[in-house]
PDB file of N, CA and C in Angstrom:
ATOM      1  N   MET A   1       0.546  -1.534   0.031  1.00  0.00           N
ATOM      2  CA  MET A   1       0.020  -0.123   0.299  1.00  0.00           C
ATOM      3  C   MET A   1       1.201   1.142  -0.207  1.00  0.00           C
ATOM      4  N   ASN A   2       0.712   1.766  -0.866  1.00  0.00           N
ATOM      5  CA  ASN A   2       1.612   3.544  -1.089  1.00  0.00           C
ATOM      6  C   ASN A   2       1.004   4.681  -0.173  1.00  0.00           C
ATOM      7  N   ARG A   3       1.323   4.850   0.544  1.00  0.00           N
ATOM      8  CA  ARG A   3       1.204   6.493   1.561  1.00  0.00           C
ATOM      9  C   ARG A   3       1.068   7.176   0.981  1.00  0.00           C
ATOM     10  N   PHE A   4       1.477   7.412  -0.337  1.00  0.00           N
ATOM     11  CA  PHE A   4       1.841   9.078  -0.855  1.00  0.00           C
ATOM     12  C   PHE A   4       1.456   8.629  -2.421  1.00  0.00           C
ATOM     13  N   PRO A   5       0.491  10.300  -2.204  1.00  0.00           N
ATOM     14  CA  PRO A   5      -0.094   9.804  -3.342  1.00  0.00           C
ATOM     15  C   PRO A   5       0.518  10.596  -4.340  1.00  0.00           C
ATOM     16  N   PRO A   6      -0.225  10.297  -5.456  1.00  0.00           N
ATOM     17  CA  PRO A   6       0.137  10.162  -7.065  1.00  0.00           C
ATOM     18  C   PRO A   6       1.005  11.826  -7.662  1.00  0.00           C
ATOM     19  N   LEU A   7       2.070  12.235  -7.896  1.00  0.00           N
ATOM     20  CA  LEU A   7       2.454  13.253  -7.800  1.00  0.00           C
ATOM     21  C   LEU A   7       1.697  14.790  -8.645  1.00  0.00           C
ATOM     22  N   GLU A   8       0.971  14.158  -9.339  1.00  0.00           N
ATOM     23  CA  GLU A   8      -0.207  15.250  -9.956  1.00  0.00           C
ATOM     24  C   GLU A   8      -1.004  15.727  -8.712  1.00  0.00           C
ATOM     25  N   SER A   9      -1.796  14.712  -8.080  1.00  0.00           N
ATOM     26  CA  SER A   9      -2.364  15.352  -7.145  1.00  0.00           C
ATOM     27  C   SER A   9      -2.222  15.101  -5.379  1.00  0.00           C
ATOM     28  N   ASP A  10      -0.017  15.313  -5.202  1.00  0.00           N
ATOM     29  CA  ASP A  10      -0.225  15.464  -4.195  1.00  0.00           C
ATOM     30  C   ASP A  10       0.286  17.468  -3.753  1.00  0.00           C
ATOM     31  N   PRO A  11       0.107  18.343  -3.175  1.00  0.00           N
ATOM     32  CA  PRO A  11      -0.015  19.154  -3.018  1.00  0.00           C
ATOM     33  C   PRO A  11       1.150  20.122  -2.930  1.00  0.00           C
ATOM     34  N   LEU A  12       2.238  19.665  -3.070  1.00  0.00           N
ATOM     35  CA  LEU A  12       3.266  19.788  -3.126  1.00  0.00           C
ATOM     36  C   LEU A  12       3.874  20.191  -4.252  1.00  0.00           C
ATOM     37  N   PHE A  13       3.644  19.582  -5.207  1.00  0.00           N
ATOM     38  CA  PHE A  13       4.065  19.593  -6.584  1.00  0.00           C
ATOM     39  C   PHE A  13       3.445  20.222  -7.294  1.00  0.00           C
ATOM     40  N   MET A  14       1.894  21.252  -6.355  1.00  0.00           N
ATOM     41  CA  MET A  14       1.431  22.000  -7.618  1.00  0.00           C
ATOM     42  C   MET A  14       1.925  23.040  -7.390  1.00  0.00           C
ATOM     43  N   LYS A  15       2.252  24.407  -8.897  1.00  0.00           N
ATOM     44  CA  LYS A  15       2.321  24.866  -8.772  1.00  0.00           C
ATOM     45  C   LYS A  15       1.277  26.257  -8.480  1.00  0.00           C
ATOM     46  N   GLY A  16       1.985  27.506  -8.049  1.00  0.00           N
ATOM     47  CA  GLY A  16       1.519  28.376  -7.783  1.00  0.00           C
ATOM     48  C   GLY A  16       1.712  28.721  -6.872  1.00  0.00           C
ATOM     49  N   ASP A  17       1.473  30.198  -5.767  1.00  0.00           N
ATOM     50  CA  ASP A  17       1.735  30.693  -4.654  1.00  0.00           C
ATOM     51  C   ASP A  17       2.139  30.056  -3.537  1.00  0.00           C
ATOM     52  N   SER A  18       2.982  30.227  -2.597  1.00  0.00           N
ATOM     53  CA  SER A  18       2.441  29.772  -1.423  1.00  0.00           C
ATOM     54  C   SER A  18       1.343  28.696  -0.647  1.00  0.00           C
ATOM     55  N   ALA A  19       1.819  28.286  -0.664  1.00  0.00           N
ATOM     56  CA  ALA A  19       0.475  28.012   1.353  1.00  0.00           C
ATOM     57  C   ALA A  19       0.863  26.899   2.135  1.00  0.00           C
ATOM     58  N   LEU A  20       0.073  26.784   2.710  1.00  0.00           N
ATOM     59  CA  LEU A  20       0.329  25.908   3.760  1.00  0.00           C
ATOM     60  C   LEU A  20      -0.599  25.024   3.912  1.00  0.00           C
ATOM     61  N   ILE A  21      -0.531  23.640   3.968  1.00  0.00           N
ATOM     62  CA  ILE A  21      -1.132  22.433   4.199  1.00  0.00           C
ATOM     63  C   ILE A  21      -1.556  22.119   5.589  1.00  0.00           C
ATOM     64  N   PRO A  22      -2.311  21.946   6.436  1.00  0.00           N
ATOM     65  CA  PRO A  22      -2.591  22.028   7.724  1.00  0.00           C
ATOM     66  C   PRO A  22      -3.110  20.098   7.961  1.00  0.00           C
ATOM     67  N   PHE A  23      -2.536  19.973   9.079  1.00  0.00           N
ATOM     68  CA  PHE A  23      -2.539  18.743   9.779  1.00  0.00           C
ATOM     69  C   PHE A  23      -2.846  19.153  11.561  1.00  0.00           C
ATOM     70  N   TYR A  24      -3.797  18.773  11.991  1.00  0.00           N
ATOM     71  CA  TYR A  24      -4.734  19.078  12.909  1.00  0.00           C
ATOM     72  C   TYR A  24      -5.366  17.887  13.971  1.00  0.00           C
ATOM     73  N   PRO A  25      -4.278  17.632  15.292  1.00  0.00           N
ATOM     74  CA  PRO A  25      -4.491  16.736  15.893  1.00  0.00           C
ATOM     75  C   PRO A  25      -5.940  16.512  16.407  1.00  0.00           C
ATOM     76  N   SER A  26      -6.362  15.490  16.731  1.00  0.00           N
ATOM     77  CA  SER A  26      -7.977  14.663  16.982  1.00  0.00           C
ATOM     78  C   SER A  26      -8.201  15.141  18.639  1.00  0.00           C
ATOM     79  N   ASN A  27      -7.231  15.182  19.141  1.00  0.00           N
ATOM     80  CA  ASN A  27      -8.121  15.831  20.370  1.00  0.00           C
ATOM     81  C   ASN A  27      -7.836  17.648  19.645  1.00  0.00           C
ATOM     82  N   ILE A  28      -9.279  17.404  20.519  1.00  0.00           N
ATOM     83  CA  ILE A  28      -9.142  19.291  20.503  1.00  0.00           C
ATOM     84  C   ILE A  28      -8.220  20.007  21.537  1.00  0.00           C
ATOM     85  N   ASN A  29      -8.222  18.755  22.560  1.00  0.00           N
ATOM     86  CA  ASN A  29      -7.828  20.355  23.517  1.00  0.00           C
ATOM     87  C   ASN A  29      -6.518  20.463  23.365  1.00  0.00           C
ATOM     88  N   ASN A  30      -5.649  19.938  22.268  1.00  0.00           N
ATOM     89  CA  ASN A  30      -4.248  19.753  22.656  1.00  0.00           C
ATOM     90  C   ASN A  30      -3.895  20.873  21.731  1.00  0.00           C
ATOM     91  N   LEU A  31      -4.960  22.136  21.154  1.00  0.00           N
ATOM     92  CA  LEU A  31      -4.998  22.990  20.492  1.00  0.00           C
ATOM     93  C   LEU A  31      -4.458  24.373  20.909  1.00  0.00           C
ATOM     94  N   ASN A  32      -4.071  24.487  22.472  1.00  0.00           N
ATOM     95  CA  ASN A  32      -3.924  25.765  23.165  1.00  0.00           C
ATOM     96  C   ASN A  32      -2.338  25.639  22.799  1.00  0.00           C
ATOM     97  N   ARG A  33      -1.557  24.649  22.059  1.00  0.00           N
ATOM     98  CA  ARG A  33       0.063  23.667  22.695  1.00  0.00           C
ATOM     99  C   ARG A  33       0.985  25.076  21.263  1.00  0.00           C
ATOM    100  N   GLY A  34       0.083  25.556  20.386  1.00  0.00           N
ATOM    101  CA  GLY A  34       1.508  25.932  19.763  1.00  0.00           C
ATOM    102  C   GLY A  34       0.846  25.629  18.180  1.00  0.00           C
ATOM    103  N   ALA A  35       1.999  25.624  17.869  1.00  0.00           N
ATOM    104  CA  ALA A  35       2.172  24.993  16.080  1.00  0.00           C
ATOM    105  C   ALA A  35       3.494  24.498  15.532  1.00  0.00           C
ATOM    106  N   VAL A  36       3.094  24.178  14.986  1.00  0.00           N
ATOM    107  CA  VAL A  36       4.384  23.228  14.280  1.00  0.00           C
ATOM    108  C   VAL A  36       4.941  23.709  12.870  1.00  0.00           C
ATOM    109  N   ILE A  37       5.864  24.487  11.699  1.00  0.00           N
ATOM    110  CA  ILE A  37       6.115  24.474  10.272  1.00  0.00           C
ATOM    111  C   ILE A  37       6.694  23.509   9.823  1.00  0.00           C
ATOM    112  N   ILE A  38       6.768  22.997   8.910  1.00  0.00           N
ATOM    113  CA  ILE A  38       7.564  21.947   8.993  1.00  0.00           C
ATOM    114  C   ILE A  38       7.909  22.511   6.954  1.00  0.00           C
ATOM    115  N   CYS A  39       8.958  22.741   6.727  1.00  0.00           N
ATOM    116  CA  CYS A  39       9.664  22.880   5.230  1.00  0.00           C
ATOM    117  C   CYS A  39      10.434  21.637   4.855  1.00  0.00           C
ATOM    118  N   PRO A  40      10.022  21.069   3.472  1.00  0.00           N
ATOM    119  CA  PRO A  40      10.389  19.797   2.989  1.00  0.00           C
ATOM    120  C   PRO A  40      11.716  20.681   2.186  1.00  0.00           C
ATOM    121  N   GLY A  41      12.717  19.524   2.348  1.00  0.00           N
ATOM    122  CA  GLY A  41      13.612  19.922   1.839  1.00  0.00           C
ATOM    123  C   GLY A  41      13.237  18.964   0.215  1.00  0.00           C
ATOM    124  N   GLY A  42      14.980  19.716  -0.720  1.00  0.00           N
ATOM    125  CA  GLY A  42      14.304  19.394  -2.144  1.00  0.00           C
ATOM    126  C   GLY A  42      15.048  20.959  -2.938  1.00  0.00           C
ATOM    127  N   ASN A  43      16.867  20.714  -2.574  1.00  0.00           N
ATOM    128  CA  ASN A  43      17.422  21.589  -3.236  1.00  0.00           C
ATOM    129  C   ASN A  43      17.457  23.231  -3.819  1.00  0.00           C
ATOM    130  N   LEU A  44      15.580  23.429  -3.356  1.00  0.00           N
ATOM    131  CA  LEU A  44      15.545  24.368  -3.697  1.00  0.00           C
ATOM    132  C   LEU A  44      14.479  24.616  -4.573  1.00  0.00           C
ATOM    133  N   GLU A  45      14.876  23.387  -5.371  1.00  0.00           N
ATOM    134  CA  GLU A  45      14.033  23.057  -6.704  1.00  0.00           C
ATOM    135  C   GLU A  45      12.769  22.139  -6.675  1.00  0.00           C
ATOM    136  N   TYR A  46      12.757  21.150  -5.994  1.00  0.00           N
ATOM    137  CA  TYR A  46      11.070  20.232  -5.510  1.00  0.00           C
ATOM    138  C   TYR A  46      11.072  20.494  -3.768  1.00  0.00           C
ATOM    139  N   LEU A  47       9.813  19.655  -4.026  1.00  0.00           N
ATOM    140  CA  LEU A  47       9.584  19.714  -1.723  1.00  0.00           C
ATOM    141  C   LEU A  47       9.218  18.066  -2.167  1.00  0.00           C
ATOM    142  N   HIS A  48      10.271  18.060  -1.368  1.00  0.00           N
ATOM    143  CA  HIS A  48      10.367  16.150  -1.202  1.00  0.00           C
ATOM    144  C   HIS A  48       8.893  15.461  -0.139  1.00  0.00           C
ATOM    145  N   PRO A  49       8.514  14.692  -1.053  1.00  0.00           N
ATOM    146  CA  PRO A  49       7.098  13.928  -0.360  1.00  0.00           C
ATOM    147  C   PRO A  49       7.073  13.653   1.117  1.00  0.00           C
ATOM    148  N   ARG A  50       8.082  12.989   1.363  1.00  0.00           N
ATOM    149  CA  ARG A  50       8.160  12.333   2.676  1.00  0.00           C
ATOM    150  C   ARG A  50       8.928  13.147   3.574  1.00  0.00           C
ATOM    151  N   GLU A  51       8.760  15.034   3.287  1.00  0.00           N
ATOM    152  CA  GLU A  51       9.198  15.369   4.331  1.00  0.00           C
ATOM    153  C   GLU A  51       8.304  16.569   4.547  1.00  0.00           C
ATOM    154  N   GLY A  52       7.348  16.140   4.461  1.00  0.00           N
ATOM    155  CA  GLY A  52       6.072  17.185   4.225  1.00  0.00           C
ATOM    156  C   GLY A  52       5.260  16.510   5.103  1.00  0.00           C
ATOM    157  N   THR A  53       4.116  16.245   4.925  1.00  0.00           N
ATOM    158  CA  THR A  53       3.043  15.702   4.892  1.00  0.00           C
ATOM    159  C   THR A  53       3.208  14.222   5.698  1.00  0.00           C
ATOM    160  N   VAL A  54       4.012  13.381   5.563  1.00  0.00           N
ATOM    161  CA  VAL A  54       4.531  12.437   6.381  1.00  0.00           C
ATOM    162  C   VAL A  54       4.472  12.908   8.248  1.00  0.00           C
ATOM    163  N   VAL A  55       5.405  13.967   7.832  1.00  0.00           N
ATOM    164  CA  VAL A  55       6.544  14.461   9.192  1.00  0.00           C
ATOM    165  C   VAL A  55       4.989  15.523   9.553  1.00  0.00           C
ATOM    166  N   ALA A  56       4.095  15.816   8.906  1.00  0.00           N
ATOM    167  CA  ALA A  56       3.356  16.916   9.722  1.00  0.00           C
ATOM    168  C   ALA A  56       2.302  16.235   9.920  1.00  0.00           C
ATOM    169  N   ARG A  57       1.970  14.764   9.262  1.00  0.00           N
ATOM    170  CA  ARG A  57       0.428  13.804  10.166  1.00  0.00           C
ATOM    171  C   ARG A  57       1.721  13.111  11.202  1.00  0.00           C
ATOM    172  N   TRP A  58       1.904  12.623  11.572  1.00  0.00           N
ATOM    173  CA  TRP A  58       2.880  12.053  12.841  1.00  0.00           C
ATOM    174  C   TRP A  58       3.252  13.343  14.290  1.00  0.00           C
ATOM    175  N   VAL A  59       3.627  14.249  13.938  1.00  0.00           N
ATOM    176  CA  VAL A  59       3.253  15.491  14.659  1.00  0.00           C
ATOM    177  C   VAL A  59       2.085  15.570  15.238  1.00  0.00           C
ATOM    178  N   ALA A  60       1.123  15.672  14.433  1.00  0.00           N
ATOM    179  CA  ALA A  60      -0.096  15.894  14.991  1.00  0.00           C
ATOM    180  C   ALA A  60      -1.162  14.925  15.609  1.00  0.00           C
ATOM    181  N   GLU A  61      -0.821  13.543  14.674  1.00  0.00           N
ATOM    182  CA  GLU A  61      -1.053  12.576  15.644  1.00  0.00           C
ATOM    183  C   GLU A  61      -0.778  11.588  16.612  1.00  0.00           C
ATOM    184  N   THR A  62       0.431  11.669  16.363  1.00  0.00           N
ATOM    185  CA  THR A  62       1.630  11.748  18.151  1.00  0.00           C
ATOM    186  C   THR A  62       2.195  12.820  19.006  1.00  0.00           C
ATOM    187  N   LEU A  63       2.479  13.851  18.355  1.00  0.00           N
ATOM    188  CA  LEU A  63       2.195  14.541  20.082  1.00  0.00           C
ATOM    189  C   LEU A  63       1.183  14.925  20.477  1.00  0.00           C
ATOM    190  N   GLY A  64       0.394  14.933  19.318  1.00  0.00           N
ATOM    191  CA  GLY A  64      -1.030  16.686  19.632  1.00  0.00           C
ATOM    192  C   GLY A  64      -0.506  17.558  19.311  1.00  0.00           C
ATOM    193  N   ILE A  65      -0.003  18.055  18.236  1.00  0.00           N
ATOM    194  CA  ILE A  65       0.400  19.483  17.880  1.00  0.00           C
ATOM    195  C   ILE A  65       0.143  20.045  16.661  1.00  0.00           C
ATOM    196  N   PRO A  66      -1.087  20.662  16.242  1.00  0.00           N
ATOM    197  CA  PRO A  66      -1.269  21.152  14.815  1.00  0.00           C
ATOM    198  C   PRO A  66       0.232  21.072  13.856  1.00  0.00           C
ATOM    199  N   ALA A  67       0.131  20.980  12.525  1.00  0.00           N
ATOM    200  CA  ALA A  67       1.745  21.100  12.530  1.00  0.00           C
ATOM    201  C   ALA A  67       1.241  21.439  10.177  1.00  0.00           C
ATOM    202  N   PHE A  68       1.554  22.069  10.004  1.00  0.00           N
ATOM    203  CA  PHE A  68       1.512  22.492   8.927  1.00  0.00           C
ATOM    204  C   PHE A  68       2.587  22.584   8.015  1.00  0.00           C
ATOM    205  N   VAL A  69       2.387  22.290   6.941  1.00  0.00           N
ATOM    206  CA  VAL A  69       4.140  22.155   5.741  1.00  0.00           C
ATOM    207  C   VAL A  69       3.638  23.425   5.121  1.00  0.00           C
ATOM    208  N   LEU A  70       4.713  23.618   4.708  1.00  0.00           N
ATOM    209  CA  LEU A  70       4.867  24.863   4.291  1.00  0.00           C
ATOM    210  C   LEU A  70       5.085  24.665   2.699  1.00  0.00           C
ATOM    211  N   ARG A  71       4.240  24.867   1.632  1.00  0.00           N
ATOM    212  CA  ARG A  71       4.828  24.769   0.009  1.00  0.00           C
ATOM    213  C   ARG A  71       5.072  25.844   0.234  1.00  0.00           C
ATOM    214  N   TYR A  72       6.696  26.473  -0.445  1.00  0.00           N
ATOM    215  CA  TYR A  72       7.604  27.534  -0.631  1.00  0.00           C
ATOM    216  C   TYR A  72       7.421  27.171  -1.964  1.00  0.00           C
ATOM    217  N   ARG A  73       7.770  28.518  -2.557  1.00  0.00           N
ATOM    218  CA  ARG A  73       7.816  28.433  -4.298  1.00  0.00           C
ATOM    219  C   ARG A  73       9.461  28.234  -4.293  1.00  0.00           C
ATOM    220  N   LEU A  74       9.999  27.920  -5.324  1.00  0.00           N
ATOM    221  CA  LEU A  74      10.952  27.801  -5.549  1.00  0.00           C
ATOM    222  C   LEU A  74      11.712  27.956  -6.837  1.00  0.00           C
ATOM    223  N   LEU A  75      13.737  28.086  -7.033  1.00  0.00           N
ATOM    224  CA  LEU A  75      14.216  27.383  -7.992  1.00  0.00           C
ATOM    225  C   LEU A  75      13.531  27.018  -9.216  1.00  0.00           C
ATOM    226  N   PRO A  76      13.106  27.575 -10.233  1.00  0.00           N
ATOM    227  CA  PRO A  76      13.732  28.538 -11.150  1.00  0.00           C
ATOM    228  C   PRO A  76      13.234  29.636 -11.233  1.00  0.00           C
ATOM    229  N   ASP A  77      11.341  29.528 -10.901  1.00  0.00           N
ATOM    230  CA  ASP A  77      10.477  30.178 -11.101  1.00  0.00           C
ATOM    231  C   ASP A  77      10.962  31.619 -10.162  1.00  0.00           C
ATOM    232  N   CYS A  78      11.412  31.623  -8.870  1.00  0.00           N
ATOM    233  CA  CYS A  78      11.529  32.661  -7.508  1.00  0.00           C
ATOM    234  C   CYS A  78      12.845  32.367  -7.109  1.00  0.00           C
ATOM    235  N   ASP A  79      12.755  33.509  -6.860  1.00  0.00           N
ATOM    236  CA  ASP A  79      14.244  33.612  -6.118  1.00  0.00           C
ATOM    237  C   ASP A  79      14.752  33.617  -4.482  1.00  0.00           C
ATOM    238  N   TRP A  80      16.030  33.872  -4.154  1.00  0.00           N
ATOM    239  CA  TRP A  80      16.110  33.491  -2.159  1.00  0.00           C
ATOM    240  C   TRP A  80      15.060  34.515  -1.477  1.00  0.00           C
ATOM    241  N   SER A  81      14.903  35.603  -2.268  1.00  0.00           N
ATOM    242  CA  SER A  81      13.851  37.006  -1.233  1.00  0.00           C
ATOM    243  C   SER A  81      12.554  36.153  -1.301  1.00  0.00           C
ATOM    244  N   THR A  82      12.562  35.355  -2.242  1.00  0.00           N
ATOM    245  CA  THR A  82      10.520  34.910  -2.273  1.00  0.00           C
ATOM    246  C   THR A  82      10.519  33.878  -1.096  1.00  0.00           C
ATOM    247  N   MET A  83      11.102  33.168  -1.490  1.00  0.00           N
ATOM    248  CA  MET A  83      11.675  31.807  -0.018  1.00  0.00           C
ATOM    249  C   MET A  83      10.850  32.352   1.030  1.00  0.00           C
ATOM    250  N   ILE A  84      12.096  33.030   1.797  1.00  0.00           N
ATOM    251  CA  ILE A  84      12.334  33.936   2.789  1.00  0.00           C
ATOM    252  C   ILE A  84      10.803  34.263   3.174  1.00  0.00           C
ATOM    253  N   SER A  85      10.432  35.534   1.803  1.00  0.00           N
ATOM    254  CA  SER A  85       8.990  36.279   2.727  1.00  0.00           C
ATOM    255  C   SER A  85       8.010  34.826   2.756  1.00  0.00           C
ATOM    256  N   ASP A  86       8.375  33.897   1.181  1.00  0.00           N
ATOM    257  CA  ASP A  86       6.978  32.806   1.578  1.00  0.00           C
ATOM    258  C   ASP A  86       6.924  32.081   3.548  1.00  0.00           C
ATOM    259  N   PHE A  87       8.237  32.387   4.121  1.00  0.00           N
ATOM    260  CA  PHE A  87       8.119  31.046   5.425  1.00  0.00           C
ATOM    261  C   PHE A  87       7.864  32.432   5.976  1.00  0.00           C
ATOM    262  N   HIS A  88       8.151  33.456   6.100  1.00  0.00           N
ATOM    263  CA  HIS A  88       7.540  35.052   6.913  1.00  0.00           C
ATOM    264  C   HIS A  88       6.179  34.187   6.836  1.00  0.00           C
ATOM    265  N   LYS A  89       5.458  35.090   5.881  1.00  0.00           N
ATOM    266  CA  LYS A  89       3.825  34.656   5.230  1.00  0.00           C
ATOM    267  C   LYS A  89       3.418  33.762   6.203  1.00  0.00           C
ATOM    268  N   GLY A  90       4.028  32.781   6.083  1.00  0.00           N
ATOM    269  CA  GLY A  90       3.866  31.004   6.550  1.00  0.00           C
ATOM    270  C   GLY A  90       3.309  31.394   7.998  1.00  0.00           C
ATOM    271  N   VAL A  91       5.062  31.860   8.962  1.00  0.00           N
ATOM    272  CA  VAL A  91       4.662  32.055  10.239  1.00  0.00           C
ATOM    273  C   VAL A  91       3.705  33.287  10.548  1.00  0.00           C
ATOM    274  N   ARG A  92       3.524  33.936  10.070  1.00  0.00           N
ATOM    275  CA  ARG A  92       2.677  34.901  10.159  1.00  0.00           C
ATOM    276  C   ARG A  92       0.949  33.689  10.911  1.00  0.00           C
ATOM    277  N   LEU A  93       0.262  33.264   9.250  1.00  0.00           N
ATOM    278  CA  LEU A  93      -0.140  32.895   9.640  1.00  0.00           C
ATOM    279  C   LEU A  93      -0.566  32.109  10.346  1.00  0.00           C
ATOM    280  N   VAL A  94       0.573  31.554  10.687  1.00  0.00           N
ATOM    281  CA  VAL A  94       0.208  29.634  11.672  1.00  0.00           C
ATOM    282  C   VAL A  94       0.409  30.321  13.322  1.00  0.00           C
ATOM    283  N   ARG A  95       0.592  31.825  13.227  1.00  0.00           N
ATOM    284  CA  ARG A  95       0.577  32.073  14.748  1.00  0.00           C
ATOM    285  C   ARG A  95      -1.182  32.109  15.218  1.00  0.00           C
ATOM    286  N   GLN A  96      -2.045  32.191  13.942  1.00  0.00           N
ATOM    287  CA  GLN A  96      -3.429  32.652  14.289  1.00  0.00           C
ATOM    288  C   GLN A  96      -4.137  31.280  14.253  1.00  0.00           C
ATOM    289  N   HIS A  97      -2.792  30.043  14.622  1.00  0.00           N
ATOM    290  CA  HIS A  97      -3.653  29.002  15.597  1.00  0.00           C
ATOM    291  C   HIS A  97      -2.839  28.558  15.907  1.00  0.00           C
ATOM    292  N   ALA A  98      -2.145  29.789  16.549  1.00  0.00           N
ATOM    293  CA  ALA A  98      -1.444  28.620  17.294  1.00  0.00           C
ATOM    294  C   ALA A  98      -1.761  29.007  19.320  1.00  0.00           C
ATOM    295  N   ASN A  99      -2.898  29.476  19.479  1.00  0.00           N
ATOM    296  CA  ASN A  99      -3.704  30.008  20.007  1.00  0.00           C
ATOM    297  C   ASN A  99      -2.708  30.479  21.749  1.00  0.00           C
ATOM    298  N   GLY A 100      -1.694  31.289  20.972  1.00  0.00           N
ATOM    299  CA  GLY A 100      -0.832  32.442  22.154  1.00  0.00           C
ATOM    300  C   GLY A 100       0.577  31.215  22.691  1.00  0.00           C
ATOM    301  N   GLY A 101       0.130  29.265  21.965  1.00  0.00           N
ATOM    302  CA  GLY A 101       1.701  28.859  21.879  1.00  0.00           C
ATOM    303  C   GLY A 101       2.513  29.683  21.243  1.00  0.00           C
ATOM    304  N   PRO A 102       3.656  28.410  20.776  1.00  0.00           N
ATOM    305  CA  PRO A 102       4.737  28.866  20.244  1.00  0.00           C
ATOM    306  C   PRO A 102       4.677  28.650  18.648  1.00  0.00           C
ATOM    307  N   VAL A 103       5.039  28.808  18.429  1.00  0.00           N
ATOM    308  CA  VAL A 103       6.166  28.366  16.849  1.00  0.00           C
ATOM    309  C   VAL A 103       6.989  28.290  16.468  1.00  0.00           C
ATOM    310  N   VAL A 104       7.044  26.719  16.355  1.00  0.00           N
ATOM    311  CA  VAL A 104       8.438  26.163  15.941  1.00  0.00           C
ATOM    312  C   VAL A 104       8.612  26.108  14.662  1.00  0.00           C
ATOM    313  N   SER A 105       9.784  25.906  13.830  1.00  0.00           N
ATOM    314  CA  SER A 105       9.847  26.361  12.964  1.00  0.00           C
ATOM    315  C   SER A 105      11.049  24.514  12.866  1.00  0.00           C
ATOM    316  N   PHE A 106      10.973  24.093  11.543  1.00  0.00           N
ATOM    317  CA  PHE A 106      11.896  23.149  11.014  1.00  0.00           C
ATOM    318  C   PHE A 106      12.160  22.618   9.993  1.00  0.00           C
ATOM    319  N   GLY A 107      12.573  21.780   9.262  1.00  0.00           N
ATOM    320  CA  GLY A 107      13.074  21.506   8.028  1.00  0.00           C
ATOM    321  C   GLY A 107      14.053  20.557   7.506  1.00  0.00           C
ATOM    322  N   PHE A 108      14.003  20.426   6.494  1.00  0.00           N
ATOM    323  CA  PHE A 108      14.906  18.305   6.093  1.00  0.00           C
ATOM    324  C   PHE A 108      15.729  19.841   4.794  1.00  0.00           C
ATOM    325  N   SER A 109      17.090  19.574   4.898  1.00  0.00           N
ATOM    326  CA  SER A 109      17.961  19.973   3.920  1.00  0.00           C
ATOM    327  C   SER A 109      17.711  21.521   3.123  1.00  0.00           C
ATOM    328  N   ALA A 110      17.407  21.746   2.905  1.00  0.00           N
ATOM    329  CA  ALA A 110      17.065  23.268   1.872  1.00  0.00           C
ATOM    330  C   ALA A 110      15.635  23.525   2.932  1.00  0.00           C
ATOM    331  N   GLY A 111      15.078  22.697   3.271  1.00  0.00           N
ATOM    332  CA  GLY A 111      14.349  23.712   4.079  1.00  0.00           C
ATOM    333  C   GLY A 111      14.504  23.643   5.121  1.00  0.00           C
ATOM    334  N   GLY A 112      15.745  23.309   6.299  1.00  0.00           N
ATOM    335  CA  GLY A 112      16.035  23.766   7.331  1.00  0.00           C
ATOM    336  C   GLY A 112      17.059  24.974   7.286  1.00  0.00           C
ATOM    337  N   TYR A 113      17.835  24.799   5.668  1.00  0.00           N
ATOM    338  CA  TYR A 113      18.437  25.916   5.729  1.00  0.00           C
ATOM    339  C   TYR A 113      17.386  27.305   5.682  1.00  0.00           C
ATOM    340  N   LEU A 114      15.725  27.273   5.123  1.00  0.00           N
ATOM    341  CA  LEU A 114      15.020  28.701   4.850  1.00  0.00           C
ATOM    342  C   LEU A 114      15.117  28.594   5.954  1.00  0.00           C
ATOM    343  N   CYS A 115      14.655  27.588   7.288  1.00  0.00           N
ATOM    344  CA  CYS A 115      14.543  28.051   8.705  1.00  0.00           C
ATOM    345  C   CYS A 115      15.471  29.154   9.259  1.00  0.00           C
ATOM    346  N   SER A 116      16.165  28.715   9.542  1.00  0.00           N
ATOM    347  CA  SER A 116      17.370  29.329   9.987  1.00  0.00           C
ATOM    348  C   SER A 116      17.814  30.671   9.048  1.00  0.00           C
ATOM    349  N   ALA A 117      17.632  30.498   8.031  1.00  0.00           N
ATOM    350  CA  ALA A 117      18.318  31.520   7.365  1.00  0.00           C
ATOM    351  C   ALA A 117      16.979  33.038   7.133  1.00  0.00           C
ATOM    352  N   ALA A 118      15.587  32.040   7.467  1.00  0.00           N
ATOM    353  CA  ALA A 118      14.511  32.541   7.834  1.00  0.00           C
ATOM    354  C   ALA A 118      15.201  33.698   9.044  1.00  0.00           C
ATOM    355  N   ALA A 119      14.751  32.899  10.258  1.00  0.00           N
ATOM    356  CA  ALA A 119      15.151  33.463  11.382  1.00  0.00           C
ATOM    357  C   ALA A 119      15.797  34.746  11.781  1.00  0.00           C
TER     358      ALA A 119
END
């Protein structure tokens, strides 16, 4: 059984503006614990499918923390400043769902570099 959607229907592979893909815990009482932003890697040219939704689902279901995968815009269509702007926009939006709790970001490879550079 394949746990990953076909690439043509994977939200990480859709062109367009940046986006946040939300994953909420099933226990509604955990919604005041803050939130997590996950930035997948992919050499700044694509977003790796195993470094986004799979991890966000685990954070939400196992840790009980709302998680959001950031689909940031990529090379060659966008430059580094656009990616940083996408990250900052994502943080502003996720803060609205963190209910006053902390917002934590982490990423894989290029996504980790984006997190640290934007901070």
